[in-house]
Amino acid sequence: MKKNKNTNQEIIDIFFDAYKDHDMSGIRKVMADNVTWYFLGKSPVAGVKKGINEVIEFFDTMGKIMGQSNTKMDKLIVAENDHYFIECQRSKTNRKDGNNLEHYNAVLWTIENGKIIEGRHFFADPQAVDKYFSAVAPKSNIIQEQN
């Protein structure tokens, strides 16, 4: 093991620090060019995102939706091992239009050689997530590959 190796938590933190400024050079330091991101379901935001650009576009879309939704997120459990980092969360939205979601989910990040190679979202109630994102997602500028 290298002396200054980052923990998986640190890699995720570095990613979000770079992402908030859209620092693509910083993002590339911790995210593989061929990263794959899974947000499965039937809503307009669902699908498999491939490559850094699609993943960043997905994060931008989700950030806009969640920002407009006055979302409260509680991290319930955070854990990691050599190749994985997982966050279990409870989230609740508070939109003025009444389209809201209160649910539990987990995000599993896969890390190899200090880089994020994959992300997967798991939902306690996938149908509720589909209903919510179908109601609130922008209908354009969404990259999706339905499975």
N, C-alpha and C. Protein backbone atom coordinates (compact mmCIF):
# COMPACT_ATOMS: atom_id res chain seq x y z
N MET A 1 0.84 -1.18 0.00
CA MET A 1 0.00 0.00 0.00
C MET A 1 0.89 1.25 0.00
N LYS A 2 0.51 2.22 -0.84
CA LYS A 2 1.25 3.48 -0.90
C LYS A 2 1.05 4.27 0.37
N LYS A 3 2.07 5.05 0.73
CA LYS A 3 2.01 5.83 1.97
C LYS A 3 0.91 6.88 1.99
N ASN A 4 0.76 7.65 0.93
CA ASN A 4 -0.20 8.76 0.90
C ASN A 4 -1.49 8.39 0.17
N LYS A 5 -1.85 7.14 0.17
CA LYS A 5 -3.06 6.70 -0.50
C LYS A 5 -4.29 7.29 0.19
N ASN A 6 -5.21 7.85 -0.60
CA ASN A 6 -6.44 8.41 -0.05
C ASN A 6 -7.41 7.29 0.30
N THR A 7 -8.18 7.50 1.36
CA THR A 7 -9.28 6.59 1.64
C THR A 7 -10.35 6.81 0.58
N ASN A 8 -11.27 5.87 0.47
CA ASN A 8 -12.36 6.04 -0.48
C ASN A 8 -13.21 7.26 -0.12
N GLN A 9 -13.41 7.51 1.17
CA GLN A 9 -14.14 8.71 1.59
C GLN A 9 -13.43 9.96 1.09
N GLU A 10 -12.10 10.00 1.20
CA GLU A 10 -11.34 11.16 0.72
C GLU A 10 -11.46 11.32 -0.79
N ILE A 11 -11.47 10.21 -1.51
CA ILE A 11 -11.64 10.27 -2.97
C ILE A 11 -12.99 10.88 -3.32
N ILE A 12 -14.04 10.46 -2.63
CA ILE A 12 -15.38 11.02 -2.88
C ILE A 12 -15.39 12.51 -2.52
N ASP A 13 -14.77 12.88 -1.41
CA ASP A 13 -14.70 14.28 -1.01
C ASP A 13 -13.94 15.12 -2.04
N ILE A 14 -12.83 14.59 -2.55
CA ILE A 14 -12.06 15.29 -3.59
C ILE A 14 -12.93 15.48 -4.83
N PHE A 15 -13.68 14.43 -5.20
CA PHE A 15 -14.58 14.53 -6.35
C PHE A 15 -15.57 15.68 -6.15
N PHE A 16 -16.26 15.69 -5.01
CA PHE A 16 -17.28 16.73 -4.79
C PHE A 16 -16.67 18.13 -4.68
N ASP A 17 -15.48 18.24 -4.12
CA ASP A 17 -14.80 19.54 -4.09
C ASP A 17 -14.51 20.04 -5.51
N ALA A 18 -14.05 19.15 -6.36
CA ALA A 18 -13.78 19.53 -7.76
C ALA A 18 -15.08 19.76 -8.52
N TYR A 19 -16.07 18.91 -8.26
CA TYR A 19 -17.35 19.03 -8.98
C TYR A 19 -18.04 20.37 -8.71
N LYS A 20 -18.01 20.83 -7.47
CA LYS A 20 -18.73 22.08 -7.14
C LYS A 20 -18.20 23.26 -7.95
N ASP A 21 -16.94 23.20 -8.39
CA ASP A 21 -16.36 24.25 -9.22
C ASP A 21 -16.29 23.84 -10.70
N HIS A 22 -16.84 22.68 -11.01
CA HIS A 22 -16.72 22.10 -12.35
C HIS A 22 -15.26 22.08 -12.82
N ASP A 23 -14.39 21.73 -11.90
CA ASP A 23 -12.95 21.60 -12.16
C ASP A 23 -12.71 20.23 -12.79
N MET A 24 -12.76 20.18 -14.12
CA MET A 24 -12.66 18.90 -14.82
C MET A 24 -11.30 18.24 -14.61
N SER A 25 -10.26 19.03 -14.47
CA SER A 25 -8.94 18.46 -14.20
C SER A 25 -8.94 17.77 -12.83
N GLY A 26 -9.53 18.42 -11.85
CA GLY A 26 -9.64 17.84 -10.52
C GLY A 26 -10.52 16.60 -10.50
N ILE A 27 -11.61 16.65 -11.25
CA ILE A 27 -12.51 15.49 -11.35
C ILE A 27 -11.77 14.30 -11.96
N ARG A 28 -11.01 14.57 -13.02
CA ARG A 28 -10.28 13.48 -13.69
C ARG A 28 -9.20 12.84 -12.81
N LYS A 29 -8.77 13.56 -11.79
CA LYS A 29 -7.77 12.98 -10.88
C LYS A 29 -8.37 11.85 -10.05
N VAL A 30 -9.69 11.87 -9.85
CA VAL A 30 -10.32 10.86 -9.00
C VAL A 30 -11.45 10.09 -9.68
N MET A 31 -11.71 10.38 -10.96
CA MET A 31 -12.76 9.66 -11.68
C MET A 31 -12.21 9.15 -13.00
N ALA A 32 -12.43 7.86 -13.25
CA ALA A 32 -11.95 7.24 -14.49
C ALA A 32 -12.71 7.81 -15.69
N ASP A 33 -12.00 7.96 -16.80
CA ASP A 33 -12.64 8.47 -18.02
C ASP A 33 -13.82 7.59 -18.45
N ASN A 34 -13.71 6.29 -18.21
CA ASN A 34 -14.76 5.36 -18.62
C ASN A 34 -15.72 5.00 -17.48
N VAL A 35 -15.89 5.91 -16.54
CA VAL A 35 -16.79 5.69 -15.40
C VAL A 35 -18.19 5.34 -15.91
N THR A 36 -18.89 4.51 -15.16
CA THR A 36 -20.28 4.15 -15.47
C THR A 36 -21.12 4.44 -14.24
N TRP A 37 -22.26 5.10 -14.45
CA TRP A 37 -23.13 5.49 -13.35
C TRP A 37 -24.53 4.93 -13.61
N TYR A 38 -25.08 4.24 -12.62
CA TYR A 38 -26.38 3.59 -12.74
C TYR A 38 -27.42 4.28 -11.87
N PHE A 39 -28.48 4.74 -12.51
CA PHE A 39 -29.64 5.30 -11.82
C PHE A 39 -30.83 4.70 -12.55
N LEU A 40 -31.13 3.46 -12.21
CA LEU A 40 -32.11 2.69 -12.98
C LEU A 40 -33.53 3.07 -12.62
N GLY A 41 -34.41 2.83 -13.57
CA GLY A 41 -35.82 3.13 -13.39
C GLY A 41 -36.46 3.50 -14.70
N LYS A 42 -37.60 4.17 -14.62
CA LYS A 42 -38.37 4.53 -15.81
C LYS A 42 -38.56 6.04 -15.96
N SER A 43 -37.99 6.82 -15.08
CA SER A 43 -38.16 8.27 -15.15
C SER A 43 -37.22 8.86 -16.21
N PRO A 44 -37.41 10.14 -16.55
CA PRO A 44 -36.55 10.78 -17.55
C PRO A 44 -35.07 10.85 -17.15
N VAL A 45 -34.76 10.79 -15.87
CA VAL A 45 -33.35 10.85 -15.44
C VAL A 45 -32.73 9.46 -15.30
N ALA A 46 -33.55 8.42 -15.41
CA ALA A 46 -33.06 7.05 -15.22
C ALA A 46 -32.19 6.62 -16.39
N GLY A 47 -31.30 5.69 -16.09
CA GLY A 47 -30.49 5.10 -17.14
C GLY A 47 -29.08 4.87 -16.68
N VAL A 48 -28.26 4.48 -17.64
CA VAL A 48 -26.85 4.23 -17.40
C VAL A 48 -26.07 5.34 -18.08
N LYS A 49 -25.28 6.05 -17.29
CA LYS A 49 -24.46 7.15 -17.81
C LYS A 49 -23.05 6.61 -17.99
N LYS A 50 -22.46 6.90 -19.13
CA LYS A 50 -21.12 6.38 -19.43
C LYS A 50 -20.16 7.51 -19.75
N GLY A 51 -19.05 7.52 -19.04
CA GLY A 51 -18.04 8.54 -19.25
C GLY A 51 -18.25 9.75 -18.34
N ILE A 52 -17.17 10.47 -18.13
CA ILE A 52 -17.21 11.61 -17.21
C ILE A 52 -18.24 12.64 -17.63
N ASN A 53 -18.31 12.98 -18.91
CA ASN A 53 -19.23 14.04 -19.33
C ASN A 53 -20.68 13.69 -19.04
N GLU A 54 -21.09 12.45 -19.31
CA GLU A 54 -22.47 12.04 -19.03
C GLU A 54 -22.73 12.02 -17.53
N VAL A 55 -21.77 11.57 -16.75
CA VAL A 55 -21.94 11.52 -15.30
C VAL A 55 -22.07 12.94 -14.74
N ILE A 56 -21.25 13.85 -15.21
CA ILE A 56 -21.32 15.24 -14.73
C ILE A 56 -22.64 15.87 -15.15
N GLU A 57 -23.10 15.60 -16.35
CA GLU A 57 -24.40 16.13 -16.79
C GLU A 57 -25.52 15.58 -15.90
N PHE A 58 -25.42 14.30 -15.55
CA PHE A 58 -26.40 13.69 -14.65
C PHE A 58 -26.38 14.39 -13.28
N PHE A 59 -25.18 14.59 -12.72
CA PHE A 59 -25.06 15.29 -11.42
C PHE A 59 -25.62 16.70 -11.52
N ASP A 60 -25.37 17.39 -12.63
CA ASP A 60 -25.92 18.74 -12.82
C ASP A 60 -27.45 18.71 -12.81
N THR A 61 -28.03 17.77 -13.54
CA THR A 61 -29.49 17.64 -13.61
C THR A 61 -30.06 17.32 -12.24
N MET A 62 -29.45 16.37 -11.55
CA MET A 62 -29.94 15.99 -10.22
C MET A 62 -29.78 17.15 -9.23
N GLY A 63 -28.68 17.87 -9.32
CA GLY A 63 -28.46 19.01 -8.44
C GLY A 63 -29.53 20.08 -8.63
N LYS A 64 -29.89 20.31 -9.89
CA LYS A 64 -30.92 21.31 -10.17
C LYS A 64 -32.27 20.86 -9.61
N ILE A 65 -32.62 19.60 -9.85
CA ILE A 65 -33.89 19.07 -9.34
C ILE A 65 -33.92 19.13 -7.82
N MET A 66 -32.89 18.64 -7.18
CA MET A 66 -32.89 18.58 -5.72
C MET A 66 -32.81 19.97 -5.10
N GLY A 67 -32.12 20.90 -5.78
CA GLY A 67 -32.08 22.28 -5.31
C GLY A 67 -33.44 22.94 -5.34
N GLN A 68 -34.21 22.64 -6.39
CA GLN A 68 -35.56 23.19 -6.51
C GLN A 68 -36.56 22.49 -5.59
N SER A 69 -36.13 21.38 -5.01
CA SER A 69 -37.03 20.56 -4.20
C SER A 69 -36.86 20.78 -2.71
N ASN A 70 -35.99 21.71 -2.32
CA ASN A 70 -35.76 21.99 -0.90
C ASN A 70 -35.54 20.67 -0.14
N THR A 71 -34.58 19.90 -0.61
CA THR A 71 -34.35 18.55 -0.11
C THR A 71 -33.58 18.54 1.20
N LYS A 72 -34.04 17.71 2.12
CA LYS A 72 -33.33 17.46 3.37
C LYS A 72 -32.78 16.04 3.28
N MET A 73 -31.46 15.91 3.40
CA MET A 73 -30.80 14.61 3.32
C MET A 73 -30.17 14.28 4.66
N ASP A 74 -30.41 13.06 5.12
CA ASP A 74 -29.77 12.56 6.33
C ASP A 74 -28.92 11.36 5.94
N LYS A 75 -27.62 11.43 6.23
CA LYS A 75 -26.75 10.27 6.02
C LYS A 75 -26.95 9.35 7.21
N LEU A 76 -27.38 8.14 6.94
CA LEU A 76 -27.66 7.19 8.00
C LEU A 76 -26.46 6.31 8.31
N ILE A 77 -25.84 5.81 7.26
CA ILE A 77 -24.68 4.93 7.41
C ILE A 77 -23.70 5.25 6.28
N VAL A 78 -22.44 5.33 6.63
CA VAL A 78 -21.36 5.49 5.66
C VAL A 78 -20.33 4.42 5.99
N ALA A 79 -19.93 3.67 4.98
CA ALA A 79 -18.94 2.61 5.20
C ALA A 79 -18.08 2.45 3.97
N GLU A 80 -16.90 1.86 4.17
CA GLU A 80 -16.02 1.61 3.04
C GLU A 80 -15.14 0.41 3.32
N ASN A 81 -14.64 -0.15 2.23
CA ASN A 81 -13.58 -1.16 2.30
C ASN A 81 -12.60 -0.86 1.18
N ASP A 82 -11.78 -1.80 0.80
CA ASP A 82 -10.73 -1.52 -0.19
C ASP A 82 -11.25 -0.99 -1.52
N HIS A 83 -12.40 -1.46 -1.97
CA HIS A 83 -12.87 -1.09 -3.31
C HIS A 83 -14.23 -0.39 -3.34
N TYR A 84 -14.87 -0.24 -2.19
CA TYR A 84 -16.22 0.32 -2.19
C TYR A 84 -16.39 1.38 -1.11
N PHE A 85 -17.32 2.28 -1.42
CA PHE A 85 -17.78 3.29 -0.46
C PHE A 85 -19.29 3.32 -0.60
N ILE A 86 -20.01 3.26 0.51
CA ILE A 86 -21.47 3.28 0.44
C ILE A 86 -22.03 4.30 1.42
N GLU A 87 -23.05 4.99 0.94
CA GLU A 87 -23.80 5.92 1.78
C GLU A 87 -25.26 5.48 1.76
N CYS A 88 -25.82 5.28 2.92
CA CYS A 88 -27.26 5.03 3.05
C CYS A 88 -27.88 6.32 3.55
N GLN A 89 -28.93 6.75 2.87
CA GLN A 89 -29.50 8.07 3.15
C GLN A 89 -31.01 8.01 3.29
N ARG A 90 -31.53 8.98 3.99
CA ARG A 90 -32.96 9.25 4.02
C ARG A 90 -33.11 10.65 3.45
N SER A 91 -33.98 10.79 2.48
CA SER A 91 -34.19 12.13 1.91
C SER A 91 -35.68 12.45 1.86
N LYS A 92 -35.93 13.73 2.00
CA LYS A 92 -37.30 14.23 1.98
C LYS A 92 -37.31 15.55 1.23
N THR A 93 -38.18 15.65 0.23
CA THR A 93 -38.29 16.89 -0.52
C THR A 93 -39.47 17.70 0.02
N ASN A 94 -39.44 19.00 -0.28
CA ASN A 94 -40.50 19.89 0.16
C ASN A 94 -40.75 20.92 -0.94
N ARG A 95 -41.35 20.43 -2.02
CA ARG A 95 -41.65 21.30 -3.17
C ARG A 95 -42.99 22.00 -2.98
N LYS A 96 -43.04 23.22 -3.48
CA LYS A 96 -44.28 24.00 -3.38
C LYS A 96 -45.38 23.43 -4.27
N ASP A 97 -44.99 22.72 -5.36
CA ASP A 97 -46.00 22.19 -6.28
C ASP A 97 -46.64 20.89 -5.78
N GLY A 98 -46.18 20.39 -4.62
CA GLY A 98 -46.78 19.20 -4.04
C GLY A 98 -46.20 17.88 -4.53
N ASN A 99 -45.34 17.92 -5.53
CA ASN A 99 -44.66 16.70 -5.99
C ASN A 99 -43.48 16.45 -5.06
N ASN A 100 -43.66 15.54 -4.12
CA ASN A 100 -42.64 15.30 -3.11
C ASN A 100 -42.33 13.83 -2.95
N LEU A 101 -41.18 13.59 -2.35
CA LEU A 101 -40.69 12.23 -2.14
C LEU A 101 -40.00 12.16 -0.79
N GLU A 102 -40.35 11.15 -0.03
CA GLU A 102 -39.64 10.84 1.20
C GLU A 102 -39.24 9.38 1.08
N HIS A 103 -37.93 9.12 1.10
CA HIS A 103 -37.51 7.75 0.87
C HIS A 103 -36.11 7.47 1.41
N TYR A 104 -35.77 6.18 1.36
CA TYR A 104 -34.44 5.70 1.73
C TYR A 104 -33.75 5.21 0.48
N ASN A 105 -32.46 5.49 0.40
CA ASN A 105 -31.69 5.02 -0.74
C ASN A 105 -30.24 4.78 -0.31
N ALA A 106 -29.52 4.12 -1.17
CA ALA A 106 -28.09 3.90 -0.95
C ALA A 106 -27.37 4.19 -2.26
N VAL A 107 -26.18 4.73 -2.14
CA VAL A 107 -25.31 4.96 -3.29
C VAL A 107 -24.02 4.18 -3.04
N LEU A 108 -23.73 3.28 -3.95
CA LEU A 108 -22.53 2.45 -3.87
C LEU A 108 -21.52 2.94 -4.90
N TRP A 109 -20.38 3.39 -4.43
CA TRP A 109 -19.29 3.87 -5.29
C TRP A 109 -18.25 2.76 -5.37
N THR A 110 -17.76 2.48 -6.57
CA THR A 110 -16.68 1.51 -6.75
C THR A 110 -15.41 2.28 -7.09
N ILE A 111 -14.33 1.98 -6.37
CA ILE A 111 -13.06 2.68 -6.52
C ILE A 111 -11.98 1.66 -6.89
N GLU A 112 -11.20 2.00 -7.90
CA GLU A 112 -10.05 1.18 -8.26
C GLU A 112 -8.87 2.09 -8.56
N ASN A 113 -7.73 1.75 -8.00
CA ASN A 113 -6.51 2.53 -8.22
C ASN A 113 -6.71 4.02 -7.96
N GLY A 114 -7.46 4.34 -6.91
CA GLY A 114 -7.65 5.73 -6.53
C GLY A 114 -8.64 6.50 -7.38
N LYS A 115 -9.41 5.79 -8.23
CA LYS A 115 -10.38 6.48 -9.10
C LYS A 115 -11.75 5.84 -9.01
N ILE A 116 -12.76 6.68 -9.10
CA ILE A 116 -14.15 6.22 -9.13
C ILE A 116 -14.38 5.60 -10.50
N ILE A 117 -14.80 4.34 -10.51
CA ILE A 117 -15.07 3.68 -11.80
C ILE A 117 -16.55 3.40 -12.00
N GLU A 118 -17.33 3.49 -10.89
CA GLU A 118 -18.74 3.16 -11.02
C GLU A 118 -19.52 3.71 -9.83
N GLY A 119 -20.77 4.03 -10.10
CA GLY A 119 -21.70 4.42 -9.05
C GLY A 119 -23.04 3.76 -9.31
N ARG A 120 -23.70 3.34 -8.24
CA ARG A 120 -25.02 2.69 -8.36
C ARG A 120 -25.94 3.21 -7.27
N HIS A 121 -27.16 3.59 -7.69
CA HIS A 121 -28.19 4.01 -6.75
C HIS A 121 -29.14 2.84 -6.51
N PHE A 122 -29.50 2.62 -5.26
CA PHE A 122 -30.47 1.61 -4.88
C PHE A 122 -31.57 2.31 -4.09
N PHE A 123 -32.83 1.97 -4.39
CA PHE A 123 -33.97 2.66 -3.78
C PHE A 123 -34.85 1.69 -3.00
N ALA A 124 -35.32 2.11 -1.83
CA ALA A 124 -36.24 1.30 -1.05
C ALA A 124 -37.59 1.18 -1.77
N ASP A 125 -37.98 2.23 -2.51
CA ASP A 125 -39.25 2.23 -3.24
C ASP A 125 -39.03 2.77 -4.65
N PRO A 126 -38.56 1.91 -5.57
CA PRO A 126 -38.25 2.37 -6.93
C PRO A 126 -39.43 3.02 -7.65
N GLN A 127 -40.65 2.53 -7.41
CA GLN A 127 -41.82 3.11 -8.09
C GLN A 127 -42.06 4.55 -7.63
N ALA A 128 -41.88 4.82 -6.35
CA ALA A 128 -42.04 6.19 -5.85
C ALA A 128 -40.98 7.12 -6.44
N VAL A 129 -39.76 6.61 -6.58
CA VAL A 129 -38.68 7.40 -7.18
C VAL A 129 -39.01 7.71 -8.64
N ASP A 130 -39.48 6.70 -9.39
CA ASP A 130 -39.87 6.92 -10.79
C ASP A 130 -40.98 7.96 -10.89
N LYS A 131 -41.99 7.85 -10.04
CA LYS A 131 -43.11 8.78 -10.06
C LYS A 131 -42.63 10.21 -9.79
N TYR A 132 -41.80 10.35 -8.78
CA TYR A 132 -41.29 11.67 -8.41
C TYR A 132 -40.48 12.29 -9.54
N PHE A 133 -39.46 11.57 -10.03
CA PHE A 133 -38.60 12.14 -11.05
C PHE A 133 -39.32 12.31 -12.39
N SER A 134 -40.33 11.51 -12.67
CA SER A 134 -41.13 11.71 -13.88
C SER A 134 -41.91 13.02 -13.80
N ALA A 135 -42.32 13.38 -12.58
CA ALA A 135 -43.08 14.61 -12.38
C ALA A 135 -42.21 15.86 -12.38
N VAL A 136 -40.97 15.76 -11.88
CA VAL A 136 -40.18 16.98 -11.66
C VAL A 136 -38.98 17.14 -12.59
N ALA A 137 -38.59 16.11 -13.31
CA ALA A 137 -37.39 16.21 -14.16
C ALA A 137 -37.64 17.09 -15.36
N PRO A 138 -36.63 17.87 -15.75
CA PRO A 138 -36.74 18.63 -16.99
C PRO A 138 -36.88 17.64 -18.15
N LYS A 139 -37.65 18.00 -19.11
CA LYS A 139 -37.92 17.07 -20.22
C LYS A 139 -36.88 17.13 -21.32
N SER A 140 -35.91 18.03 -21.20
CA SER A 140 -34.87 18.12 -22.22
C SER A 140 -33.50 18.04 -21.55
N ASN A 141 -32.48 17.87 -22.36
CA ASN A 141 -31.09 17.84 -21.90
C ASN A 141 -30.79 16.70 -20.92
N ILE A 142 -31.50 15.60 -21.02
CA ILE A 142 -31.24 14.46 -20.15
C ILE A 142 -30.69 13.32 -21.00
N ILE A 143 -29.52 12.86 -20.59
CA ILE A 143 -28.90 11.72 -21.26
C ILE A 143 -29.46 10.48 -20.59
N GLN A 144 -30.00 9.57 -21.37
CA GLN A 144 -30.48 8.34 -20.75
C GLN A 144 -30.31 7.16 -21.67
N GLU A 145 -30.14 6.02 -21.04
CA GLU A 145 -30.12 4.75 -21.73
C GLU A 145 -30.98 3.84 -20.90
N GLN A 146 -32.17 3.56 -21.37
CA GLN A 146 -33.11 2.74 -20.59
C GLN A 146 -32.68 1.29 -20.64
N ASN A 147 -32.82 0.62 -19.52
CA ASN A 147 -32.55 -0.83 -19.44
C ASN A 147 -33.83 -1.55 -19.12
